[in-house]
Amino acid sequence: KREVRMLTISPEHPRNLVERAKLRRQWEIIPLRTANKRTTG
């Protein structure tokens, strides 16, 4: 388990983050498909 949180960032606060902190704020949205994909048959 890992927790997910909401951060509140004021405009005057610069986002000077180390690389790992940047990655923690990034997400991949993966859609589900209703059918199989076909590639070159």
Full PDB file with SEQRES, HELIX, SHEET, SSBOND, CRYST1, ORIGX, SCALE, CONECT and MASTER records, all heavy atoms in Angstrom:
SEQRES   1 A   41  LYS ARG GLU VAL ARG MET LEU THR ILE SER PRO GLU HIS          
SEQRES   2 A   41  PRO ARG ASN LEU VAL GLU ARG ALA LYS LEU ARG ARG GLN          
SEQRES   3 A   41  TRP GLU ILE ILE PRO LEU ARG THR ALA ASN LYS ARG THR          
SEQRES   4 A   41  THR GLY                                                      
HELIX    1 AA1 GLU A   19  ARG A   24  1                                   6    
CRYST1    1.000    1.000    1.000  90.00  90.00  90.00 P 1           1          
ORIGX1      1.000000  0.000000  0.000000        0.00000                         
ORIGX2      0.000000  1.000000  0.000000        0.00000                         
ORIGX3      0.000000  0.000000  1.000000        0.00000                         
SCALE1      1.000000  0.000000  0.000000        0.00000                         
SCALE2      0.000000  1.000000  0.000000        0.00000                         
SCALE3      0.000000  0.000000  1.000000        0.00000                         
ATOM      1  N   LYS A   1       0.817  -1.212   0.000  1.00  0.00           N  
ATOM      2  CA  LYS A   1       0.000   0.000   0.000  1.00  0.00           C  
ATOM      3  C   LYS A   1       0.850   1.261   0.000  1.00  0.00           C  
ATOM      4  O   LYS A   1       1.875   1.339   0.664  1.00  0.00           O  
ATOM      5  CB  LYS A   1      -0.910   0.013   1.237  1.00  0.00           C  
ATOM      6  CG  LYS A   1      -1.703   1.295   1.423  1.00  0.00           C  
ATOM      7  CD  LYS A   1      -2.496   1.284   2.729  1.00  0.00           C  
ATOM      8  CE  LYS A   1      -3.162   2.624   2.994  1.00  0.00           C  
ATOM      9  NZ  LYS A   1      -3.915   2.629   4.283  1.00  0.00           N  
ATOM     10  N   ARG A   2       0.401   2.253  -0.783  1.00  0.00           N  
ATOM     11  CA  ARG A   2       0.926   3.600  -0.709  1.00  0.00           C  
ATOM     12  C   ARG A   2      -0.263   4.559  -0.610  1.00  0.00           C  
ATOM     13  O   ARG A   2      -1.339   4.279  -1.131  1.00  0.00           O  
ATOM     14  CB  ARG A   2       1.768   3.959  -1.941  1.00  0.00           C  
ATOM     15  CG  ARG A   2       3.058   3.194  -2.053  1.00  0.00           C  
ATOM     16  CD  ARG A   2       4.039   3.512  -0.933  1.00  0.00           C  
ATOM     17  NE  ARG A   2       5.310   2.840  -1.126  1.00  0.00           N  
ATOM     18  CZ  ARG A   2       5.569   1.596  -0.737  1.00  0.00           C  
ATOM     19  NH1 ARG A   2       4.632   0.887  -0.117  1.00  0.00           N  
ATOM     20  NH2 ARG A   2       6.758   1.055  -0.945  1.00  0.00           N  
ATOM     21  N   GLU A   3      -0.040   5.687   0.031  1.00  0.00           N  
ATOM     22  CA  GLU A   3      -1.093   6.686   0.148  1.00  0.00           C  
ATOM     23  C   GLU A   3      -0.992   7.680  -0.998  1.00  0.00           C  
ATOM     24  O   GLU A   3       0.074   7.894  -1.573  1.00  0.00           O  
ATOM     25  CB  GLU A   3      -1.000   7.417   1.484  1.00  0.00           C  
ATOM     26  CG  GLU A   3      -1.315   6.540   2.683  1.00  0.00           C  
ATOM     27  CD  GLU A   3      -1.332   7.327   3.988  1.00  0.00           C  
ATOM     28  OE1 GLU A   3      -0.865   8.491   3.983  1.00  0.00           O  
ATOM     29  OE2 GLU A   3      -1.807   6.786   4.992  1.00  0.00           O  
ATOM     30  N   VAL A   4      -2.133   8.272  -1.322  1.00  0.00           N  
ATOM     31  CA  VAL A   4      -2.175   9.351  -2.293  1.00  0.00           C  
ATOM     32  C   VAL A   4      -2.806  10.555  -1.605  1.00  0.00           C  
ATOM     33  O   VAL A   4      -3.788  10.412  -0.870  1.00  0.00           O  
ATOM     34  CB  VAL A   4      -2.951   8.939  -3.566  1.00  0.00           C  
ATOM     35  CG1 VAL A   4      -4.340   8.447  -3.241  1.00  0.00           C  
ATOM     36  CG2 VAL A   4      -3.021  10.084  -4.550  1.00  0.00           C  
ATOM     37  N   ARG A   5      -2.222  11.724  -1.806  1.00  0.00           N  
ATOM     38  CA  ARG A   5      -2.665  12.924  -1.104  1.00  0.00           C  
ATOM     39  C   ARG A   5      -2.868  14.075  -2.081  1.00  0.00           C  
ATOM     40  O   ARG A   5      -2.332  14.078  -3.185  1.00  0.00           O  
ATOM     41  CB  ARG A   5      -1.612  13.357  -0.070  1.00  0.00           C  
ATOM     42  CG  ARG A   5      -1.196  12.285   0.877  1.00  0.00           C  
ATOM     43  CD  ARG A   5      -2.242  11.982   1.909  1.00  0.00           C  
ATOM     44  NE  ARG A   5      -2.329  13.038   2.917  1.00  0.00           N  
ATOM     45  CZ  ARG A   5      -3.213  13.037   3.906  1.00  0.00           C  
ATOM     46  NH1 ARG A   5      -4.099  12.074   3.996  1.00  0.00           N  
ATOM     47  NH2 ARG A   5      -3.220  14.010   4.791  1.00  0.00           N  
ATOM     48  N   MET A   6      -3.648  15.048  -1.631  1.00  0.00           N  
ATOM     49  CA  MET A   6      -3.789  16.286  -2.379  1.00  0.00           C  
ATOM     50  C   MET A   6      -2.864  17.335  -1.772  1.00  0.00           C  
ATOM     51  O   MET A   6      -2.859  17.537  -0.558  1.00  0.00           O  
ATOM     52  CB  MET A   6      -5.229  16.796  -2.326  1.00  0.00           C  
ATOM     53  CG  MET A   6      -5.452  18.064  -3.143  1.00  0.00           C  
ATOM     54  SD  MET A   6      -7.070  18.806  -2.872  1.00  0.00           S  
ATOM     55  CE  MET A   6      -6.817  19.601  -1.264  1.00  0.00           C  
ATOM     56  N   LEU A   7      -2.089  17.985  -2.629  1.00  0.00           N  
ATOM     57  CA  LEU A   7      -1.232  19.071  -2.204  1.00  0.00           C  
ATOM     58  C   LEU A   7      -1.873  20.407  -2.559  1.00  0.00           C  
ATOM     59  O   LEU A   7      -2.492  20.552  -3.619  1.00  0.00           O  
ATOM     60  CB  LEU A   7       0.126  18.985  -2.891  1.00  0.00           C  
ATOM     61  CG  LEU A   7       1.008  17.783  -2.553  1.00  0.00           C  
ATOM     62  CD1 LEU A   7       2.277  17.849  -3.395  1.00  0.00           C  
ATOM     63  CD2 LEU A   7       1.345  17.755  -1.073  1.00  0.00           C  
ATOM     64  N   THR A   8      -1.717  21.375  -1.684  1.00  0.00           N  
ATOM     65  CA  THR A   8      -2.151  22.744  -1.951  1.00  0.00           C  
ATOM     66  C   THR A   8      -0.920  23.587  -2.230  1.00  0.00           C  
ATOM     67  O   THR A   8      -0.034  23.679  -1.384  1.00  0.00           O  
ATOM     68  CB  THR A   8      -2.902  23.327  -0.737  1.00  0.00           C  
ATOM     69  OG1 THR A   8      -4.000  22.483  -0.418  1.00  0.00           O  
ATOM     70  CG2 THR A   8      -3.402  24.723  -1.037  1.00  0.00           C  
ATOM     71  N   ILE A   9      -0.849  24.177  -3.401  1.00  0.00           N  
ATOM     72  CA  ILE A   9       0.319  24.941  -3.795  1.00  0.00           C  
ATOM     73  C   ILE A   9      -0.100  26.379  -4.062  1.00  0.00           C  
ATOM     74  O   ILE A   9      -0.907  26.650  -4.949  1.00  0.00           O  
ATOM     75  CB  ILE A   9       0.971  24.352  -5.051  1.00  0.00           C  
ATOM     76  CG1 ILE A   9       1.297  22.864  -4.825  1.00  0.00           C  
ATOM     77  CG2 ILE A   9       2.236  25.131  -5.420  1.00  0.00           C  
ATOM     78  CD1 ILE A   9       1.814  22.172  -6.040  1.00  0.00           C  
ATOM     79  N   SER A  10       0.445  27.295  -3.293  1.00  0.00           N  
ATOM     80  CA  SER A  10       0.174  28.715  -3.490  1.00  0.00           C  
ATOM     81  C   SER A  10       0.984  29.234  -4.669  1.00  0.00           C  
ATOM     82  O   SER A  10       2.077  28.735  -4.953  1.00  0.00           O  
ATOM     83  CB  SER A  10       0.513  29.504  -2.229  1.00  0.00           C  
ATOM     84  OG  SER A  10      -0.289  29.065  -1.138  1.00  0.00           O  
ATOM     85  N   PRO A  11       0.479  30.255  -5.364  1.00  0.00           N  
ATOM     86  CA  PRO A  11       1.192  30.758  -6.556  1.00  0.00           C  
ATOM     87  C   PRO A  11       2.606  31.234  -6.266  1.00  0.00           C  
ATOM     88  O   PRO A  11       3.489  31.117  -7.114  1.00  0.00           O  
ATOM     89  CB  PRO A  11       0.305  31.927  -7.020  1.00  0.00           C  
ATOM     90  CG  PRO A  11      -1.029  31.665  -6.431  1.00  0.00           C  
ATOM     91  CD  PRO A  11      -0.790  30.942  -5.138  1.00  0.00           C  
ATOM     92  N   GLU A  12       2.835  31.759  -5.057  1.00  0.00           N  
ATOM     93  CA  GLU A  12       4.160  32.302  -4.758  1.00  0.00           C  
ATOM     94  C   GLU A  12       5.176  31.227  -4.405  1.00  0.00           C  
ATOM     95  O   GLU A  12       6.349  31.513  -4.208  1.00  0.00           O  
ATOM     96  CB  GLU A  12       4.083  33.306  -3.593  1.00  0.00           C  
ATOM     97  CG  GLU A  12       3.597  32.726  -2.282  1.00  0.00           C  
ATOM     98  CD  GLU A  12       2.092  32.787  -2.124  1.00  0.00           C  
ATOM     99  OE1 GLU A  12       1.410  32.963  -3.149  1.00  0.00           O  
ATOM    100  OE2 GLU A  12       1.606  32.670  -0.982  1.00  0.00           O  
ATOM    101  N   HIS A  13       4.760  29.969  -4.301  1.00  0.00           N  
ATOM    102  CA  HIS A  13       5.681  28.900  -3.948  1.00  0.00           C  
ATOM    103  C   HIS A  13       6.248  28.259  -5.211  1.00  0.00           C  
ATOM    104  O   HIS A  13       5.519  27.606  -5.958  1.00  0.00           O  
ATOM    105  CB  HIS A  13       4.967  27.831  -3.112  1.00  0.00           C  
ATOM    106  CG  HIS A  13       4.563  28.338  -1.765  1.00  0.00           C  
ATOM    107  ND1 HIS A  13       3.536  27.766  -1.044  1.00  0.00           N  
ATOM    108  CD2 HIS A  13       5.020  29.362  -1.015  1.00  0.00           C  
ATOM    109  CE1 HIS A  13       3.393  28.424   0.104  1.00  0.00           C  
ATOM    110  NE2 HIS A  13       4.287  29.389   0.123  1.00  0.00           N  
ATOM    111  N   PRO A  14       7.529  28.420  -5.497  1.00  0.00           N  
ATOM    112  CA  PRO A  14       8.117  27.810  -6.696  1.00  0.00           C  
ATOM    113  C   PRO A  14       8.176  26.293  -6.556  1.00  0.00           C  
ATOM    114  O   PRO A  14       8.301  25.770  -5.456  1.00  0.00           O  
ATOM    115  CB  PRO A  14       9.526  28.413  -6.743  1.00  0.00           C  
ATOM    116  CG  PRO A  14       9.836  28.728  -5.313  1.00  0.00           C  
ATOM    117  CD  PRO A  14       8.528  29.144  -4.692  1.00  0.00           C  
ATOM    118  N   ARG A  15       8.069  25.604  -7.687  1.00  0.00           N  
ATOM    119  CA  ARG A  15       8.118  24.144  -7.667  1.00  0.00           C  
ATOM    120  C   ARG A  15       9.543  23.669  -7.930  1.00  0.00           C  
ATOM    121  O   ARG A  15       9.862  23.137  -8.991  1.00  0.00           O  
ATOM    122  CB  ARG A  15       7.154  23.556  -8.704  1.00  0.00           C  
ATOM    123  CG  ARG A  15       5.704  23.953  -8.478  1.00  0.00           C  
ATOM    124  CD  ARG A  15       4.792  23.120  -9.350  1.00  0.00           C  
ATOM    125  NE  ARG A  15       3.427  23.601  -9.314  1.00  0.00           N  
ATOM    126  CZ  ARG A  15       2.404  22.978  -9.895  1.00  0.00           C  
ATOM    127  NH1 ARG A  15       2.602  21.851 -10.545  1.00  0.00           N  
ATOM    128  NH2 ARG A  15       1.191  23.465  -9.839  1.00  0.00           N  
ATOM    129  N   ASN A  16      10.420  23.880  -6.958  1.00  0.00           N  
ATOM    130  CA  ASN A  16      11.812  23.442  -7.077  1.00  0.00           C  
ATOM    131  C   ASN A  16      11.929  22.040  -6.498  1.00  0.00           C  
ATOM    132  O   ASN A  16      12.316  21.856  -5.350  1.00  0.00           O  
ATOM    133  CB  ASN A  16      12.743  24.426  -6.351  1.00  0.00           C  
ATOM    134  CG  ASN A  16      12.653  25.821  -6.939  1.00  0.00           C  
ATOM    135  OD1 ASN A  16      12.546  25.974  -8.148  1.00  0.00           O  
ATOM    136  ND2 ASN A  16      12.688  26.825  -6.077  1.00  0.00           N  
ATOM    137  N   LEU A  17      11.590  21.057  -7.296  1.00  0.00           N  
ATOM    138  CA  LEU A  17      11.496  19.688  -6.806  1.00  0.00           C  
ATOM    139  C   LEU A  17      12.648  18.835  -7.308  1.00  0.00           C  
ATOM    140  O   LEU A  17      13.132  19.019  -8.428  1.00  0.00           O  
ATOM    141  CB  LEU A  17      10.179  19.054  -7.269  1.00  0.00           C  
ATOM    142  CG  LEU A  17       8.884  19.721  -6.806  1.00  0.00           C  
ATOM    143  CD1 LEU A  17       7.712  19.074  -7.507  1.00  0.00           C  
ATOM    144  CD2 LEU A  17       8.729  19.613  -5.305  1.00  0.00           C  
ATOM    145  N   VAL A  18      13.073  17.874  -6.480  1.00  0.00           N  
ATOM    146  CA  VAL A  18      13.995  16.856  -6.967  1.00  0.00           C  
ATOM    147  C   VAL A  18      13.222  15.940  -7.904  1.00  0.00           C  
ATOM    148  O   VAL A  18      11.987  15.919  -7.920  1.00  0.00           O  
ATOM    149  CB  VAL A  18      14.599  16.061  -5.785  1.00  0.00           C  
ATOM    150  CG1 VAL A  18      15.408  16.970  -4.883  1.00  0.00           C  
ATOM    151  CG2 VAL A  18      13.512  15.347  -4.982  1.00  0.00           C  
ATOM    152  N   GLU A  19      13.944  15.151  -8.690  1.00  0.00           N  
ATOM    153  CA  GLU A  19      13.309  14.370  -9.749  1.00  0.00           C  
ATOM    154  C   GLU A  19      12.265  13.392  -9.202  1.00  0.00           C  
ATOM    155  O   GLU A  19      11.184  13.226  -9.782  1.00  0.00           O  
ATOM    156  CB  GLU A  19      14.371  13.611 -10.548  1.00  0.00           C  
ATOM    157  CG  GLU A  19      13.837  12.937 -11.805  1.00  0.00           C  
ATOM    158  CD  GLU A  19      13.230  13.916 -12.794  1.00  0.00           C  
ATOM    159  OE1 GLU A  19      13.671  15.084 -12.824  1.00  0.00           O  
ATOM    160  OE2 GLU A  19      12.309  13.504 -13.526  1.00  0.00           O  
ATOM    161  N   ARG A  20      12.558  12.743  -8.084  1.00  0.00           N  
ATOM    162  CA  ARG A  20      11.607  11.770  -7.540  1.00  0.00           C  
ATOM    163  C   ARG A  20      10.318  12.435  -7.101  1.00  0.00           C  
ATOM    164  O   ARG A  20       9.228  11.866  -7.231  1.00  0.00           O  
ATOM    165  CB  ARG A  20      12.244  11.021  -6.373  1.00  0.00           C  
ATOM    166  CG  ARG A  20      13.333  10.042  -6.774  1.00  0.00           C  
ATOM    167  CD  ARG A  20      13.899   9.317  -5.574  1.00  0.00           C  
ATOM    168  NE  ARG A  20      14.943   8.388  -5.942  1.00  0.00           N  
ATOM    169  CZ  ARG A  20      15.636   7.662  -5.071  1.00  0.00           C  
ATOM    170  NH1 ARG A  20      15.387   7.778  -3.776  1.00  0.00           N  
ATOM    171  NH2 ARG A  20      16.574   6.835  -5.488  1.00  0.00           N  
ATOM    172  N   ALA A  21      10.425  13.644  -6.558  1.00  0.00           N  
ATOM    173  CA  ALA A  21       9.226  14.366  -6.144  1.00  0.00           C  
ATOM    174  C   ALA A  21       8.382  14.748  -7.354  1.00  0.00           C  
ATOM    175  O   ALA A  21       7.144  14.725  -7.301  1.00  0.00           O  
ATOM    176  CB  ALA A  21       9.601  15.606  -5.336  1.00  0.00           C  
ATOM    177  N   LYS A  22       9.020  15.103  -8.453  1.00  0.00           N  
ATOM    178  CA  LYS A  22       8.289  15.407  -9.683  1.00  0.00           C  
ATOM    179  C   LYS A  22       7.525  14.183 -10.168  1.00  0.00           C  
ATOM    180  O   LYS A  22       6.362  14.273 -10.577  1.00  0.00           O  
ATOM    181  CB  LYS A  22       9.259  15.882 -10.771  1.00  0.00           C  
ATOM    182  CG  LYS A  22       9.895  17.231 -10.509  1.00  0.00           C  
ATOM    183  CD  LYS A  22      10.846  17.587 -11.635  1.00  0.00           C  
ATOM    184  CE  LYS A  22      11.542  18.914 -11.373  1.00  0.00           C  
ATOM    185  NZ  LYS A  22      12.511  19.243 -12.457  1.00  0.00           N  
ATOM    186  N   LEU A  23       8.194  13.022 -10.113  1.00  0.00           N  
ATOM    187  CA  LEU A  23       7.554  11.791 -10.586  1.00  0.00           C  
ATOM    188  C   LEU A  23       6.351  11.428  -9.732  1.00  0.00           C  
ATOM    189  O   LEU A  23       5.365  10.869 -10.228  1.00  0.00           O  
ATOM    190  CB  LEU A  23       8.558  10.638 -10.599  1.00  0.00           C  
ATOM    191  CG  LEU A  23       9.689  10.736 -11.624  1.00  0.00           C  
ATOM    192  CD1 LEU A  23      10.640   9.568 -11.486  1.00  0.00           C  
ATOM    193  CD2 LEU A  23       9.127  10.806 -13.042  1.00  0.00           C  
ATOM    194  N   ARG A  24       6.409  11.736  -8.433  1.00  0.00           N  
ATOM    195  CA  ARG A  24       5.285  11.404  -7.546  1.00  0.00           C  
ATOM    196  C   ARG A  24       4.030  12.192  -7.904  1.00  0.00           C  
ATOM    197  O   ARG A  24       2.932  11.803  -7.532  1.00  0.00           O  
ATOM    198  CB  ARG A  24       5.662  11.660  -6.089  1.00  0.00           C  
ATOM    199  CG  ARG A  24       6.681  10.699  -5.548  1.00  0.00           C  
ATOM    200  CD  ARG A  24       6.746  10.691  -4.038  1.00  0.00           C  
ATOM    201  NE  ARG A  24       7.274  11.924  -3.473  1.00  0.00           N  
ATOM    202  CZ  ARG A  24       6.547  12.836  -2.849  1.00  0.00           C  
ATOM    203  NH1 ARG A  24       5.238  12.697  -2.757  1.00  0.00           N  
ATOM    204  NH2 ARG A  24       7.106  13.918  -2.319  1.00  0.00           N  
ATOM    205  N   ARG A  25       4.188  13.281  -8.619  1.00  0.00           N  
ATOM    206  CA  ARG A  25       3.047  14.105  -9.015  1.00  0.00           C  
ATOM    207  C   ARG A  25       2.562  13.774 -10.418  1.00  0.00           C  
ATOM    208  O   ARG A  25       1.662  14.438 -10.935  1.00  0.00           O  
ATOM    209  CB  ARG A  25       3.424  15.590  -8.941  1.00  0.00           C  
ATOM    210  CG  ARG A  25       3.846  16.048  -7.558  1.00  0.00           C  
ATOM    211  CD  ARG A  25       4.193  17.521  -7.547  1.00  0.00           C  
ATOM    212  NE  ARG A  25       4.591  17.953  -6.208  1.00  0.00           N  
ATOM    213  CZ  ARG A  25       4.718  19.230  -5.843  1.00  0.00           C  
ATOM    214  NH1 ARG A  25       4.477  20.186  -6.720  1.00  0.00           N  
ATOM    215  NH2 ARG A  25       5.080  19.549  -4.627  1.00  0.00           N  
ATOM    216  N   GLN A  26       3.150  12.763 -11.043  1.00  0.00           N  
ATOM    217  CA  GLN A  26       2.790  12.429 -12.414  1.00  0.00           C  
ATOM    218  C   GLN A  26       2.007  11.120 -12.462  1.00  0.00           C  
ATOM    219  O   GLN A  26       2.281  10.179 -11.712  1.00  0.00           O  
ATOM    220  CB  GLN A  26       4.051  12.336 -13.281  1.00  0.00           C  
ATOM    221  CG  GLN A  26       4.767  13.662 -13.422  1.00  0.00           C  
ATOM    222  CD  GLN A  26       6.031  13.558 -14.227  1.00  0.00           C  
ATOM    223  OE1 GLN A  26       6.347  12.506 -14.794  1.00  0.00           O  
ATOM    224  NE2 GLN A  26       6.800  14.637 -14.292  1.00  0.00           N  
ATOM    225  N   TRP A  27       1.055  11.078 -13.372  1.00  0.00           N  
ATOM    226  CA  TRP A  27       0.136   9.946 -13.484  1.00  0.00           C  
ATOM    227  C   TRP A  27      -0.028   9.540 -14.939  1.00  0.00           C  
ATOM    228  O   TRP A  27       0.045  10.371 -15.844  1.00  0.00           O  
ATOM    229  CB  TRP A  27      -1.225  10.303 -12.891  1.00  0.00           C  
ATOM    230  CG  TRP A  27      -1.115  10.817 -11.490  1.00  0.00           C  
ATOM    231  CD1 TRP A  27      -0.847  12.109 -11.109  1.00  0.00           C  
ATOM    232  CD2 TRP A  27      -1.204  10.060 -10.287  1.00  0.00           C  
ATOM    233  NE1 TRP A  27      -0.780  12.203  -9.740  1.00  0.00           N  
ATOM    234  CE2 TRP A  27      -0.995  10.959  -9.203  1.00  0.00           C  
ATOM    235  CE3 TRP A  27      -1.459   8.724 -10.011  1.00  0.00           C  
ATOM    236  CZ2 TRP A  27      -1.032  10.547  -7.881  1.00  0.00           C  
ATOM    237  CZ3 TRP A  27      -1.497   8.309  -8.688  1.00  0.00           C  
ATOM    238  CH2 TRP A  27      -1.283   9.222  -7.650  1.00  0.00           C  
ATOM    239  N   GLU A  28      -0.273   8.266 -15.140  1.00  0.00           N  
ATOM    240  CA  GLU A  28      -0.574   7.743 -16.472  1.00  0.00           C  
ATOM    241  C   GLU A  28      -2.026   7.276 -16.470  1.00  0.00           C  
ATOM    242  O   GLU A  28      -2.426   6.489 -15.604  1.00  0.00           O  
ATOM    243  CB  GLU A  28       0.357   6.580 -16.812  1.00  0.00           C  
ATOM    244  CG  GLU A  28       0.128   6.004 -18.198  1.00  0.00           C  
ATOM    245  CD  GLU A  28       1.012   4.809 -18.492  1.00  0.00           C  
ATOM    246  OE1 GLU A  28       1.775   4.393 -17.592  1.00  0.00           O  
ATOM    247  OE2 GLU A  28       0.930   4.279 -19.613  1.00  0.00           O  
ATOM    248  N   ILE A  29      -2.795   7.758 -17.418  1.00  0.00           N  
ATOM    249  CA  ILE A  29      -4.199   7.372 -17.533  1.00  0.00           C  
ATOM    250  C   ILE A  29      -4.301   6.337 -18.643  1.00  0.00           C  
ATOM    251  O   ILE A  29      -3.987   6.609 -19.807  1.00  0.00           O  
ATOM    252  CB  ILE A  29      -5.096   8.578 -17.849  1.00  0.00           C  
ATOM    253  CG1 ILE A  29      -4.792   9.731 -16.882  1.00  0.00           C  
ATOM    254  CG2 ILE A  29      -6.559   8.175 -17.773  1.00  0.00           C  
ATOM    255  CD1 ILE A  29      -4.975   9.394 -15.424  1.00  0.00           C  
ATOM    256  N   ILE A  30      -4.740   5.133 -18.291  1.00  0.00           N  
ATOM    257  CA  ILE A  30      -4.749   4.010 -19.231  1.00  0.00           C  
ATOM    258  C   ILE A  30      -6.194   3.605 -19.526  1.00  0.00           C  
ATOM    259  O   ILE A  30      -6.875   3.031 -18.668  1.00  0.00           O  
ATOM    260  CB  ILE A  30      -3.981   2.812 -18.647  1.00  0.00           C  
ATOM    261  CG1 ILE A  30      -2.584   3.254 -18.182  1.00  0.00           C  
ATOM    262  CG2 ILE A  30      -3.892   1.676 -19.655  1.00  0.00           C  
ATOM    263  CD1 ILE A  30      -1.836   2.196 -17.412  1.00  0.00           C  
ATOM    264  N   PRO A  31      -6.702   3.908 -20.714  1.00  0.00           N  
ATOM    265  CA  PRO A  31      -8.090   3.551 -21.043  1.00  0.00           C  
ATOM    266  C   PRO A  31      -8.249   2.055 -21.284  1.00  0.00           C  
ATOM    267  O   PRO A  31      -7.323   1.386 -21.766  1.00  0.00           O  
ATOM    268  CB  PRO A  31      -8.364   4.363 -22.316  1.00  0.00           C  
ATOM    269  CG  PRO A  31      -7.020   4.592 -22.924  1.00  0.00           C  
ATOM    270  CD  PRO A  31      -6.035   4.650 -21.794  1.00  0.00           C  
ATOM    271  N   LEU A  32      -9.415   1.546 -20.940  1.00  0.00           N  
ATOM    272  CA  LEU A  32      -9.742   0.156 -21.234  1.00  0.00           C  
ATOM    273  C   LEU A  32     -10.381   0.075 -22.625  1.00  0.00           C  
ATOM    274  O   LEU A  32     -11.010   1.017 -23.089  1.00  0.00           O  
ATOM    275  CB  LEU A  32     -10.694  -0.413 -20.187  1.00  0.00           C  
ATOM    276  CG  LEU A  32     -10.205  -0.383 -18.738  1.00  0.00           C  
ATOM    277  CD1 LEU A  32     -11.179  -1.144 -17.842  1.00  0.00           C  
ATOM    278  CD2 LEU A  32      -8.806  -0.965 -18.608  1.00  0.00           C  
ATOM    279  N   ARG A  33     -10.204  -1.073 -23.269  1.00  0.00           N  
ATOM    280  CA  ARG A  33     -10.730  -1.269 -24.610  1.00  0.00           C  
ATOM    281  C   ARG A  33     -11.879  -2.269 -24.581  1.00  0.00           C  
ATOM    282  O   ARG A  33     -11.890  -3.202 -23.776  1.00  0.00           O  
ATOM    283  CB  ARG A  33      -9.638  -1.789 -25.539  1.00  0.00           C  
ATOM    284  CG  ARG A  33      -8.399  -0.903 -25.618  1.00  0.00           C  
ATOM    285  CD  ARG A  33      -7.534  -1.302 -26.801  1.00  0.00           C  
ATOM    286  NE  ARG A  33      -7.098  -2.700 -26.712  1.00  0.00           N  
ATOM    287  CZ  ARG A  33      -5.949  -3.083 -26.174  1.00  0.00           C  
ATOM    288  NH1 ARG A  33      -5.131  -2.192 -25.634  1.00  0.00           N  
ATOM    289  NH2 ARG A  33      -5.614  -4.361 -26.150  1.00  0.00           N  
ATOM    290  N   THR A  34     -12.808  -2.081 -25.497  1.00  0.00           N  
ATOM    291  CA  THR A  34     -13.920  -3.026 -25.597  1.00  0.00           C  
ATOM    292  C   THR A  34     -13.591  -4.177 -26.533  1.00  0.00           C  
ATOM    293  O   THR A  34     -14.295  -5.176 -26.565  1.00  0.00           O  
ATOM    294  CB  THR A  34     -15.186  -2.318 -26.102  1.00  0.00           C  
ATOM    295  OG1 THR A  34     -14.896  -1.683 -27.370  1.00  0.00           O  
ATOM    296  CG2 THR A  34     -15.634  -1.258 -25.101  1.00  0.00           C  
ATOM    297  N   ALA A  35     -12.514  -4.042 -27.315  1.00  0.00           N  
ATOM    298  CA  ALA A  35     -12.136  -5.098 -28.255  1.00  0.00           C  
ATOM    299  C   ALA A  35     -10.621  -5.148 -28.363  1.00  0.00           C  
ATOM    300  O   ALA A  35      -9.913  -4.202 -27.996  1.00  0.00           O  
ATOM    301  CB  ALA A  35     -12.761  -4.849 -29.628  1.00  0.00           C  
ATOM    302  N   ASN A  36     -10.105  -6.273 -28.887  1.00  0.00           N  
ATOM    303  CA  ASN A  36      -8.675  -6.416 -29.102  1.00  0.00           C  
ATOM    304  C   ASN A  36      -8.217  -5.483 -30.218  1.00  0.00           C  
ATOM    305  O   ASN A  36      -8.943  -5.210 -31.166  1.00  0.00           O  
ATOM    306  CB  ASN A  36      -8.331  -7.854 -29.510  1.00  0.00           C  
ATOM    307  CG  ASN A  36      -8.579  -8.830 -28.371  1.00  0.00           C  
ATOM    308  OD1 ASN A  36      -8.230  -8.549 -27.235  1.00  0.00           O  
ATOM    309  ND2 ASN A  36      -9.178  -9.964 -28.688  1.00  0.00           N  
ATOM    310  N   LYS A  37      -6.996  -4.987 -30.097  1.00  0.00           N  
ATOM    311  CA  LYS A  37      -6.392  -4.230 -31.179  1.00  0.00           C  
ATOM    312  C   LYS A  37      -5.830  -5.198 -32.211  1.00  0.00           C  
ATOM    313  O   LYS A  37      -5.407  -6.297 -31.891  1.00  0.00           O  
ATOM    314  CB  LYS A  37      -5.255  -3.344 -30.646  1.00  0.00           C  
ATOM    315  CG  LYS A  37      -5.720  -2.077 -29.959  1.00  0.00           C  
ATOM    316  CD  LYS A  37      -4.509  -1.232 -29.619  1.00  0.00           C  
ATOM    317  CE  LYS A  37      -4.919   0.100 -29.013  1.00  0.00           C  
ATOM    318  NZ  LYS A  37      -3.742   0.928 -28.691  1.00  0.00           N  
ATOM    319  N   ARG A  38      -5.819  -4.760 -33.445  1.00  0.00           N  
ATOM    320  CA  ARG A  38      -5.195  -5.560 -34.494  1.00  0.00           C  
ATOM    321  C   ARG A  38      -4.012  -4.781 -35.080  1.00  0.00           C  
ATOM    322  O   ARG A  38      -4.136  -3.605 -35.414  1.00  0.00           O  
ATOM    323  CB  ARG A  38      -6.186  -5.873 -35.615  1.00  0.00           C  
ATOM    324  CG  ARG A  38      -7.283  -6.846 -35.176  1.00  0.00           C  
ATOM    325  CD  ARG A  38      -8.226  -7.135 -36.328  1.00  0.00           C  
ATOM    326  NE  ARG A  38      -9.246  -8.098 -35.949  1.00  0.00           N  
ATOM    327  CZ  ARG A  38      -9.104  -9.405 -36.040  1.00  0.00           C  
ATOM    328  NH1 ARG A  38      -7.968  -9.905 -36.481  1.00  0.00           N  
ATOM    329  NH2 ARG A  38     -10.086 -10.217 -35.700  1.00  0.00           N  
ATOM    330  N   THR A  39      -2.874  -5.428 -35.140  1.00  0.00           N  
ATOM    331  CA  THR A  39      -1.681  -4.820 -35.710  1.00  0.00           C  
ATOM    332  C   THR A  39      -1.170  -5.716 -36.824  1.00  0.00           C  
ATOM    333  O   THR A  39      -0.785  -6.870 -36.576  1.00  0.00           O  
ATOM    334  CB  THR A  39      -0.592  -4.632 -34.646  1.00  0.00           C  
ATOM    335  OG1 THR A  39      -1.127  -3.859 -33.569  1.00  0.00           O  
ATOM    336  CG2 THR A  39       0.604  -3.924 -35.229  1.00  0.00           C  
ATOM    337  N   THR A  40      -1.171  -5.212 -38.052  1.00  0.00           N  
ATOM    338  CA  THR A  40      -0.745  -5.975 -39.243  1.00  0.00           C  
ATOM    339  C   THR A  40      -1.425  -7.344 -39.297  1.00  0.00           C  
ATOM    340  O   THR A  40      -0.793  -8.359 -39.575  1.00  0.00           O  
ATOM    341  CB  THR A  40       0.796  -6.146 -39.267  1.00  0.00           C  
ATOM    342  OG1 THR A  40       1.215  -6.898 -38.111  1.00  0.00           O  
ATOM    343  CG2 THR A  40       1.491  -4.809 -39.281  1.00  0.00           C  
ATOM    344  N   GLY A  41      -2.705  -7.355 -38.965  1.00  0.00           N  
ATOM    345  CA  GLY A  41      -3.488  -8.568 -39.068  1.00  0.00           C  
ATOM    346  C   GLY A  41      -3.312  -9.531 -37.928  1.00  0.00           C  
ATOM    347  O   GLY A  41      -3.905 -10.611 -37.943  1.00  0.00           O  
TER     348      GLY A  41                                                      
MASTER        0    0    0    1    0    0    0    6  347    1    0    4          
END                                                                             
